[in-house]
Amino acid sequence: MLTNIEFYNTPEGDVIVKGVNEAARSLKENDRDIIDYMLTVIRDRYPKAHAALMELYSKRTMNKTYFEYSVVHRFIRCNFGEYDQFSHDIDANGYFVFEEVKCPLRGECPLEGTICKPELDTQLSDREIEVFRLIARSMHSAEIAAELSLSKFTVDRHRENIKARLRLRDVPEMITYWHVNHLK
């Protein structure tokens, strides 16, 4: 999970990445940790944006590395534009904090509300509900993974998606939410 990350755009079109106590640097095709994480979050939490980006950059699929970089680069450029040292674009909980990006097409872009300012998919999948149920029983990731025949990584990803979709900060909040809302 990426946390406490600031992105900003340069006039030349570069995306700059700045982590806490790290030097600012340009996002590059070989920044696989950032690109892989961003692709997963876009796919899982913003499916309409993911579908639009896949179609928009579909001609670049012959070069998978460049294709994935292009998708993430565009998503960041459209949603995290200005440097702000007091709030991060990916906060301490791993939530995306979108900004109003200066764009000459603002109000006219057919992808506004899809790629830029995307809608968070708040619907939990059946698998996320299964994982959530076991978290509510105070099971740990390794136990849930064994119970559902999943990897611990997959269970952790489901947990992070649940927290993001429901805007919950931690596991105790998740457990409380489960019981207060009488989920089964």
Protein backbone atom coordinates (compact mmCIF):
# COMPACT_ATOMS: atom_id res chain seq x y z
CA MET A 1 0.00 0.00 0.00
CA LEU A 2 1.24 3.48 -0.84
CA THR A 3 0.69 6.15 1.79
CA ASN A 4 1.67 9.77 2.32
CA ILE A 5 2.48 10.42 -1.33
CA GLU A 6 2.23 13.76 -3.11
CA PHE A 7 1.98 13.94 -6.90
CA TYR A 8 2.20 17.06 -8.96
CA ASN A 9 2.41 17.97 -12.62
CA THR A 10 5.08 20.04 -14.30
CA PRO A 11 4.33 22.45 -17.16
CA GLU A 12 6.29 20.05 -19.41
CA GLY A 13 3.81 17.23 -18.68
CA ASP A 14 5.87 15.21 -16.21
CA VAL A 15 4.36 13.68 -13.09
CA ILE A 16 6.47 14.28 -10.00
CA VAL A 17 6.30 11.85 -7.06
CA LYS A 18 7.22 12.99 -3.55
CA GLY A 19 7.08 10.68 -0.55
CA VAL A 20 7.56 11.82 3.04
CA ASN A 21 11.26 12.49 3.70
CA GLU A 22 12.10 11.61 0.11
CA ALA A 23 13.37 13.74 -2.73
CA ALA A 24 10.89 14.64 -5.46
CA ARG A 25 11.40 12.70 -8.69
CA SER A 26 9.70 12.11 -12.02
CA LEU A 27 7.47 9.09 -12.40
CA LYS A 28 9.14 6.71 -14.85
CA GLU A 29 8.08 3.56 -16.70
CA ASN A 30 10.25 1.45 -14.37
CA ASP A 31 8.52 2.66 -11.17
CA ARG A 32 6.72 -0.67 -11.04
CA ASP A 33 5.78 -0.49 -7.35
CA ILE A 34 3.80 2.73 -7.89
CA ILE A 35 2.41 1.71 -11.28
CA ASP A 36 1.29 -1.76 -10.13
CA TYR A 37 -0.33 -0.35 -6.97
CA MET A 38 -2.09 2.45 -8.85
CA LEU A 39 -3.37 0.07 -11.55
CA THR A 40 -4.82 -2.25 -8.91
CA VAL A 41 -6.54 0.58 -7.04
CA ILE A 42 -7.90 2.13 -10.24
CA ARG A 43 -9.24 -1.25 -11.37
CA ASP A 44 -10.76 -2.19 -8.00
CA ARG A 45 -12.12 1.15 -6.79
CA TYR A 46 -12.69 3.18 -9.96
CA PRO A 47 -13.86 0.64 -12.57
CA LYS A 48 -15.36 3.23 -14.93
CA ALA A 49 -12.07 5.15 -14.99
CA HIS A 50 -10.18 1.89 -15.50
CA ALA A 51 -12.35 0.89 -18.49
CA ALA A 52 -12.02 4.34 -20.08
CA LEU A 53 -8.24 4.38 -19.60
CA MET A 54 -7.89 0.85 -21.02
CA GLU A 55 -9.78 1.91 -24.14
CA LEU A 56 -8.01 5.27 -24.45
CA TYR A 57 -4.55 3.67 -24.40
CA SER A 58 -5.45 0.36 -26.08
CA LYS A 59 -3.14 1.04 -29.04
CA ARG A 60 -0.17 0.91 -26.67
CA THR A 61 -0.78 -2.62 -25.41
CA MET A 62 2.02 -4.10 -27.52
CA ASN A 63 4.44 -2.54 -25.03
CA LYS A 64 2.88 -3.55 -21.71
CA THR A 65 5.27 -1.47 -19.57
CA TYR A 66 4.61 1.71 -21.56
CA PHE A 67 0.87 0.98 -21.73
CA GLU A 68 0.56 0.63 -17.93
CA TYR A 69 2.76 3.67 -17.35
CA SER A 70 0.57 5.72 -19.73
CA VAL A 71 -2.62 4.70 -17.92
CA VAL A 72 -1.26 5.60 -14.48
CA HIS A 73 0.41 8.80 -15.73
CA ARG A 74 -2.89 10.04 -17.21
CA PHE A 75 -4.89 9.15 -14.10
CA ILE A 76 -2.43 11.04 -11.88
CA ARG A 77 -2.25 14.06 -14.22
CA CYS A 78 -6.04 14.32 -14.25
CA ASN A 79 -6.56 13.98 -10.48
CA PHE A 80 -3.46 15.13 -8.58
CA GLY A 81 -2.10 18.32 -10.06
CA GLU A 82 -0.78 20.80 -7.55
CA TYR A 83 1.98 20.48 -4.99
CA ASP A 84 0.57 20.70 -1.47
CA GLN A 85 2.96 20.08 1.39
CA PHE A 86 0.18 19.96 3.99
CA SER A 87 -2.02 17.21 2.58
CA HIS A 88 -1.03 14.19 0.55
CA ASP A 89 -2.70 12.89 -2.59
CA ILE A 90 -2.53 9.39 -1.14
CA ASP A 91 -3.08 9.91 2.58
CA ALA A 92 -1.94 7.92 5.61
CA ASN A 93 -4.87 5.49 5.15
CA GLY A 94 -4.09 4.91 1.47
CA TYR A 95 -7.10 6.95 0.31
CA PHE A 96 -6.88 9.05 -2.83
CA VAL A 97 -7.49 12.75 -2.17
CA PHE A 98 -8.42 14.19 -5.56
CA GLU A 99 -7.74 17.81 -6.47
CA GLU A 100 -9.29 20.21 -8.93
CA VAL A 101 -6.63 20.01 -11.62
CA LYS A 102 -6.14 23.00 -13.91
CA CYS A 103 -7.06 21.76 -17.36
CA PRO A 104 -7.94 23.71 -20.51
CA LEU A 105 -10.72 21.21 -21.20
CA ARG A 106 -12.40 21.60 -17.78
CA GLY A 107 -16.15 21.48 -18.31
CA GLU A 108 -15.81 20.28 -21.92
CA CYS A 109 -13.85 17.04 -21.59
CA PRO A 110 -15.97 13.97 -22.33
CA LEU A 111 -13.91 12.02 -19.76
CA GLU A 112 -14.61 14.42 -16.86
CA GLY A 113 -16.33 12.46 -14.12
CA THR A 114 -14.91 9.25 -15.57
CA ILE A 115 -11.12 9.56 -15.62
CA CYS A 116 -10.77 12.91 -13.90
CA LYS A 117 -12.81 13.20 -10.73
CA PRO A 118 -13.77 9.52 -10.99
CA GLU A 119 -16.61 8.03 -9.04
CA LEU A 120 -15.59 5.65 -6.24
CA ASP A 121 -17.30 2.28 -6.56
CA THR A 122 -18.73 1.81 -3.06
CA GLN A 123 -20.35 -1.55 -3.82
CA LEU A 124 -18.58 -4.43 -2.07
CA SER A 125 -17.97 -7.54 -4.13
CA ASP A 126 -19.16 -10.94 -2.89
CA ARG A 127 -15.54 -11.85 -2.07
CA GLU A 128 -15.04 -8.59 -0.14
CA ILE A 129 -18.16 -9.36 1.89
CA GLU A 130 -16.76 -12.82 2.69
CA VAL A 131 -13.47 -11.29 3.81
CA PHE A 132 -15.30 -8.57 5.75
CA ARG A 133 -17.40 -11.22 7.58
CA LEU A 134 -14.24 -12.99 8.74
CA ILE A 135 -12.57 -9.72 9.76
CA ALA A 136 -15.69 -8.98 11.82
CA ARG A 137 -15.05 -12.29 13.59
CA SER A 138 -11.61 -10.89 14.53
CA MET A 139 -9.73 -13.25 12.23
CA HIS A 140 -6.28 -12.19 11.00
CA SER A 141 -5.26 -12.05 7.35
CA ALA A 142 -3.37 -15.36 7.43
CA GLU A 143 -6.37 -17.14 8.97
CA ILE A 144 -8.74 -15.60 6.42
CA ALA A 145 -6.39 -16.57 3.61
CA ALA A 146 -6.39 -20.19 4.79
CA GLU A 147 -10.17 -20.24 5.29
CA LEU A 148 -10.91 -18.86 1.80
CA SER A 149 -7.95 -20.43 -0.04
CA LEU A 150 -6.53 -17.02 -0.96
CA SER A 151 -3.10 -15.49 -0.60
CA LYS A 152 -2.49 -13.19 2.34
CA PHE A 153 -1.72 -10.45 -0.20
CA THR A 154 -5.19 -10.87 -1.75
CA VAL A 155 -6.87 -10.77 1.65
CA ASP A 156 -4.96 -7.58 2.52
CA ARG A 157 -5.96 -6.02 -0.81
CA HIS A 158 -9.63 -6.86 -0.14
CA ARG A 159 -9.34 -5.36 3.36
CA GLU A 160 -7.87 -2.13 1.96
CA ASN A 161 -10.60 -1.94 -0.70
CA ILE A 162 -13.32 -2.42 1.92
CA LYS A 163 -11.83 0.33 4.07
CA ALA A 164 -11.57 2.67 1.08
CA ARG A 165 -15.08 1.96 -0.24
CA LEU A 166 -16.66 2.50 3.18
CA ARG A 167 -14.22 5.25 4.28
CA LEU A 168 -13.09 3.35 7.34
CA ARG A 169 -9.65 3.88 8.89
CA ASP A 170 -8.79 0.62 10.58
CA VAL A 171 -9.92 -2.87 11.51
CA PRO A 172 -11.68 -1.87 14.77
CA GLU A 173 -13.77 0.62 12.73
CA MET A 174 -14.51 -2.15 10.24
CA ILE A 175 -15.71 -4.50 12.98
CA THR A 176 -17.91 -1.79 14.49
CA TYR A 177 -19.35 -0.94 11.07
CA TRP A 178 -20.14 -4.61 10.42
CA HIS A 179 -22.05 -5.00 13.69
CA VAL A 180 -23.79 -1.60 13.68
CA ASN A 181 -25.06 -2.19 10.15
CA HIS A 182 -26.13 -5.77 10.93
CA LEU A 183 -24.29 -7.22 7.97
CA LYS A 184 -24.39 -11.00 7.64
